[in-house]
C-alpha atoms as a PDB file:
ATOM      1  CA  MET A   1      -0.149  -0.062   0.004  1.00  0.00           C
ATOM      2  CA  ASN A   2       1.392   3.264  -1.052  1.00  0.00           C
ATOM      3  CA  SER A   3       1.965   5.757   1.962  1.00  0.00           C
ATOM      4  CA  TYR A   4      -0.081   8.691   1.002  1.00  0.00           C
ATOM      5  CA  ALA A   5      -3.419   5.802   0.316  1.00  0.00           C
ATOM      6  CA  THR A   6      -2.810   5.589   4.758  1.00  0.00           C
ATOM      7  CA  ASP A   7      -3.080   9.592   5.074  1.00  0.00           C
ATOM      8  CA  ALA A   8      -6.415   9.884   3.009  1.00  0.00           C
ATOM      9  CA  ARG A   9      -9.472  10.703   4.915  1.00  0.00           C
ATOM     10  CA  SER A  10     -12.558  10.804   3.432  1.00  0.00           C
ATOM     11  CA  TYR A  11     -15.483  13.083   4.755  1.00  0.00           C
ATOM     12  CA  SER A  12     -18.110  10.917   2.975  1.00  0.00           C
ATOM     13  CA  ALA A  13     -17.152   7.637   4.837  1.00  0.00           C
ATOM     14  CA  CYS A  14     -16.766   8.876   8.246  1.00  0.00           C
ATOM     15  CA  ASN A  15     -19.142  11.832   7.982  1.00  0.00           C
ATOM     16  CA  ASP A  16     -17.880  13.196  11.058  1.00  0.00           C
ATOM     17  CA  ARG A  17     -14.654  16.212  11.789  1.00  0.00           C
ATOM     18  CA  ARG A  18     -12.045  13.786  13.414  1.00  0.00           C
ATOM     19  CA  ASP A  19      -9.806  14.848  10.689  1.00  0.00           C
ATOM     20  CA  ASP A  20      -8.376  18.110  11.767  1.00  0.00           C
ATOM     21  CA  ARG A  21      -7.571  19.133   7.699  1.00  0.00           C
ATOM     22  CA  ILE A  22     -11.021  18.325   7.092  1.00  0.00           C
ATOM     23  CA  GLY A  23     -12.877  19.669   9.951  1.00  0.00           C
ATOM     24  CA  LEU A  24     -11.262  22.712   9.165  1.00  0.00           C
ATOM     25  CA  VAL A  25     -12.785  23.491   5.602  1.00  0.00           C
ATOM     26  CA  SER A  26     -16.311  22.605   6.970  1.00  0.00           C
ATOM     27  CA  GLU A  27     -16.144  25.052   9.462  1.00  0.00           C
ATOM     28  CA  PHE A  28     -15.023  27.512   6.774  1.00  0.00           C
ATOM     29  CA  VAL A  29     -17.835  26.019   5.023  1.00  0.00           C
ATOM     30  CA  ASP A  30     -20.445  26.500   7.948  1.00  0.00           C
ATOM     31  CA  ARG A  31     -18.992  29.649   9.753  1.00  0.00           C
ATOM     32  CA  VAL A  32     -17.741  31.747   6.693  1.00  0.00           C
ATOM     33  CA  LEU A  33     -19.666  30.870   3.528  1.00  0.00           C
ATOM     34  CA  ASN A  34     -23.397  30.324   5.525  1.00  0.00           C
ATOM     35  CA  ASP A  35     -23.183  32.670   8.837  1.00  0.00           C
ATOM     36  CA  HIS A  36     -21.194  35.514   6.901  1.00  0.00           C
ATOM     37  CA  SER A  37     -18.554  35.208   9.940  1.00  0.00           C
ATOM     38  CA  ARG A  38     -16.220  38.095   9.205  1.00  0.00           C
ATOM     39  CA  GLU A  39     -14.397  36.773  12.346  1.00  0.00           C
ATOM     40  CA  ALA A  40     -14.288  33.249  11.341  1.00  0.00           C
ATOM     41  CA  LEU A  41     -12.794  34.153   8.261  1.00  0.00           C
ATOM     42  CA  HIS A  42      -9.702  36.123  10.097  1.00  0.00           C
ATOM     43  CA  ALA A  43      -9.429  33.360  12.424  1.00  0.00           C
ATOM     44  CA  LEU A  44      -9.718  29.842   9.432  1.00  0.00           C
ATOM     45  CA  VAL A  45      -8.015  31.823   6.751  1.00  0.00           C
ATOM     46  CA  ALA A  46      -4.309  32.943   6.806  1.00  0.00           C
ATOM     47  CA  ALA A  47      -3.664  36.323   5.940  1.00  0.00           C
ATOM     48  CA  ASN A  48      -1.584  35.880   3.037  1.00  0.00           C
ATOM     49  CA  PHE A  49      -3.907  33.712   1.591  1.00  0.00           C
ATOM     50  CA  VAL A  50      -4.292  33.101  -2.121  1.00  0.00           C
ATOM     51  CA  ASP A  51      -7.080  31.967  -4.532  1.00  0.00           C
ATOM     52  CA  HIS A  52      -6.220  31.033  -7.534  1.00  0.00           C
ATOM     53  CA  HIS A  53      -9.677  31.035  -9.039  1.00  0.00           C
ATOM     54  CA  PRO A  54     -11.690  33.688  -6.916  1.00  0.00           C
ATOM     55  CA  ILE A  55     -15.062  34.989  -7.970  1.00  0.00           C
ATOM     56  CA  VAL A  56     -14.375  38.716  -8.295  1.00  0.00           C
ATOM     57  CA  PHE A  57     -16.411  41.380  -8.158  1.00  0.00           C
ATOM     58  CA  GLY A  58     -16.197  44.274 -11.230  1.00  0.00           C
ATOM     59  CA  ASN A  59     -12.952  42.839 -12.613  1.00  0.00           C
ATOM     60  CA  GLN A  60     -11.684  44.595 -15.199  1.00  0.00           C
ATOM     61  CA  TYR A  61      -9.616  42.721 -17.366  1.00  0.00           C
ATOM     62  CA  PRO A  62     -11.672  39.158 -17.792  1.00  0.00           C
ATOM     63  CA  ASP A  63      -9.366  37.870 -19.659  1.00  0.00           C
ATOM     64  CA  GLN A  64      -5.863  38.206 -17.012  1.00  0.00           C
ATOM     65  CA  PRO A  65      -6.009  35.696 -14.259  1.00  0.00           C
ATOM     66  CA  VAL A  66      -6.592  37.524 -10.778  1.00  0.00           C
ATOM     67  CA  ALA A  67      -5.254  36.203  -7.755  1.00  0.00           C
ATOM     68  CA  GLY A  68      -7.491  36.444  -5.027  1.00  0.00           C
ATOM     69  CA  SER A  69      -6.455  37.429  -1.085  1.00  0.00           C
ATOM     70  CA  LEU A  70      -8.608  38.010   2.029  1.00  0.00           C
ATOM     71  CA  THR A  71      -9.592  41.162   0.708  1.00  0.00           C
ATOM     72  CA  THR A  72     -11.384  39.518  -1.908  1.00  0.00           C
ATOM     73  CA  MET A  73     -12.605  36.288   0.329  1.00  0.00           C
ATOM     74  CA  GLN A  74     -14.034  39.269   2.308  1.00  0.00           C
ATOM     75  CA  THR A  75     -15.917  41.103  -0.551  1.00  0.00           C
ATOM     76  CA  LEU A  76     -17.547  37.706  -1.529  1.00  0.00           C
ATOM     77  CA  ILE A  77     -18.814  37.336   2.148  1.00  0.00           C
ATOM     78  CA  GLU A  78     -20.608  41.103   1.777  1.00  0.00           C
ATOM     79  CA  ALA A  79     -22.108  39.749  -1.288  1.00  0.00           C
ATOM     80  CA  LEU A  80     -23.356  36.539   0.392  1.00  0.00           C
ATOM     81  CA  ASP A  81     -24.553  38.591   3.738  1.00  0.00           C
ATOM     82  CA  HIS A  82     -26.453  41.235   1.516  1.00  0.00           C
ATOM     83  CA  PRO A  83     -30.231  40.816   2.569  1.00  0.00           C
ATOM     84  CA  SER A  84     -31.362  40.378  -0.920  1.00  0.00           C
ATOM     85  CA  ALA A  85     -28.885  36.740  -1.392  1.00  0.00           C
ATOM     86  CA  ASP A  86     -29.905  33.501   0.374  1.00  0.00           C
ATOM     87  CA  LEU A  87     -27.700  31.176  -0.030  1.00  0.00           C
ATOM     88  CA  THR A  88     -26.668  28.066   1.433  1.00  0.00           C
ATOM     89  CA  PHE A  89     -23.284  25.603   1.165  1.00  0.00           C
ATOM     90  CA  HIS A  90     -22.931  22.246   1.957  1.00  0.00           C
ATOM     91  CA  LEU A  91     -19.426  20.213   1.872  1.00  0.00           C
ATOM     92  CA  GLU A  92     -20.430  17.081   0.275  1.00  0.00           C
ATOM     93  CA  ASP A  93     -17.422  15.293   0.185  1.00  0.00           C
ATOM     94  CA  ALA A  94     -14.025  15.865   1.154  1.00  0.00           C
ATOM     95  CA  PHE A  95     -10.630  14.038   2.061  1.00  0.00           C
ATOM     96  CA  ALA A  96      -7.343  15.102   3.266  1.00  0.00           C
ATOM     97  CA  THR A  97      -3.492  13.846   2.466  1.00  0.00           C
ATOM     98  CA  GLY A  98      -0.345  16.112   3.707  1.00  0.00           C
ATOM     99  CA  ASP A  99      -1.417  19.571   3.850  1.00  0.00           C
ATOM    100  CA  ARG A 100      -4.163  19.184   1.252  1.00  0.00           C
ATOM    101  CA  VAL A 101      -7.655  18.774   1.336  1.00  0.00           C
ATOM    102  CA  ALA A 102     -10.066  17.826  -1.509  1.00  0.00           C
ATOM    103  CA  TYR A 103     -13.514  18.780  -1.418  1.00  0.00           C
ATOM    104  CA  ARG A 104     -16.615  18.857  -3.429  1.00  0.00           C
ATOM    105  CA  LEU A 105     -18.840  22.403  -2.594  1.00  0.00           C
ATOM    106  CA  PHE A 106     -22.617  22.458  -3.439  1.00  0.00           C
ATOM    107  CA  GLY A 107     -24.759  25.586  -2.983  1.00  0.00           C
ATOM    108  CA  SER A 108     -28.227  26.759  -3.489  1.00  0.00           C
ATOM    109  CA  GLY A 109     -30.374  29.614  -2.933  1.00  0.00           C
ATOM    110  CA  GLN A 110     -31.907  32.763  -4.546  1.00  0.00           C
ATOM    111  CA  VAL A 111     -30.811  36.399  -4.985  1.00  0.00           C
ATOM    112  CA  GLU A 112     -32.778  39.396  -5.917  1.00  0.00           C
ATOM    113  CA  GLY A 113     -33.041  39.970 -10.049  1.00  0.00           C
ATOM    114  CA  PRO A 114     -33.865  42.697 -11.858  1.00  0.00           C
ATOM    115  CA  ALA A 115     -37.506  42.343 -11.566  1.00  0.00           C
ATOM    116  CA  VAL A 116     -38.034  38.646  -9.507  1.00  0.00           C
ATOM    117  CA  PRO A 117     -35.508  36.617  -7.337  1.00  0.00           C
ATOM    118  CA  VAL A 118     -33.592  34.316  -9.496  1.00  0.00           C
ATOM    119  CA  THR A 119     -32.496  30.620  -8.271  1.00  0.00           C
ATOM    120  CA  LEU A 120     -29.070  29.828  -8.297  1.00  0.00           C
ATOM    121  CA  LEU A 121     -26.990  26.733  -7.995  1.00  0.00           C
ATOM    122  CA  CYS A 122     -23.053  26.528  -7.112  1.00  0.00           C
ATOM    123  CA  GLU A 123     -20.614  24.074  -7.404  1.00  0.00           C
ATOM    124  CA  SER A 124     -16.994  23.842  -6.360  1.00  0.00           C
ATOM    125  CA  VAL A 125     -14.393  20.663  -7.066  1.00  0.00           C
ATOM    126  CA  GLY A 126     -10.737  22.276  -5.470  1.00  0.00           C
ATOM    127  CA  ILE A 127      -8.281  22.090  -3.549  1.00  0.00           C
ATOM    128  CA  PHE A 128      -7.148  24.005  -0.332  1.00  0.00           C
ATOM    129  CA  ARG A 129      -3.636  23.899   1.344  1.00  0.00           C
ATOM    130  CA  ILE A 130      -3.376  24.585   5.204  1.00  0.00           C
ATOM    131  CA  GLU A 131      -0.527  26.011   6.231  1.00  0.00           C
ATOM    132  CA  ASN A 132      -0.353  26.604  10.459  1.00  0.00           C
ATOM    133  CA  ASP A 133      -3.740  25.664  10.869  1.00  0.00           C
ATOM    134  CA  ARG A 134      -5.257  27.788   8.465  1.00  0.00           C
ATOM    135  CA  LEU A 135      -6.553  27.857   5.127  1.00  0.00           C
ATOM    136  CA  ALA A 136      -3.824  29.238   2.749  1.00  0.00           C
ATOM    137  CA  GLU A 137      -4.296  28.458  -0.485  1.00  0.00           C
ATOM    138  CA  ARG A 138      -7.031  27.573  -2.892  1.00  0.00           C
ATOM    139  CA  TRP A 139      -7.612  26.119  -6.620  1.00  0.00           C
ATOM    140  CA  GLY A 140     -10.545  24.983  -8.296  1.00  0.00           C
ATOM    141  CA  PRO A 141     -13.532  26.679 -10.211  1.00  0.00           C
ATOM    142  CA  ILE A 142     -16.451  28.137  -8.459  1.00  0.00           C
ATOM    143  CA  SER A 143     -19.163  27.639 -11.105  1.00  0.00           C
ATOM    144  CA  VAL A 144     -22.497  29.345 -10.186  1.00  0.00           C
ATOM    145  CA  ALA A 145     -25.829  28.992 -12.709  1.00  0.00           C
ATOM    146  CA  PRO A 146     -29.542  30.323 -12.653  1.00  0.00           C
ATOM    147  CA  VAL A 147     -32.055  27.547 -12.648  1.00  0.00           C
END
């Protein structure tokens, strides 16, 4: 058996938070994405956080890659905390090895559209890197689609 296989932990297989790495990602989803806690954001995410596939609002240069940061994460939390947004996120699957957690995340809910509320589905499959018990980097696109 490979050494990396013995280190892997699966969220869906054990369905608990015994693995601190998976627990950190789960806590991020619960407290930051769902509860919009800025305090949790600063407690769980490193000050030098880099998001390699961020959702960027008002990007003037969409053809150029933009690295996200703690600041762009704060902008996302402010958008989710807006009274017109009612989205809920669920960590569907996660497994950890070394300093990485691979995850599958789904979200759904409504936001106010120009005339009527719009139902959105969000999905992300990606990887977080953990450093000093905080989320340090994230890779993986986030898909957002109206239904």
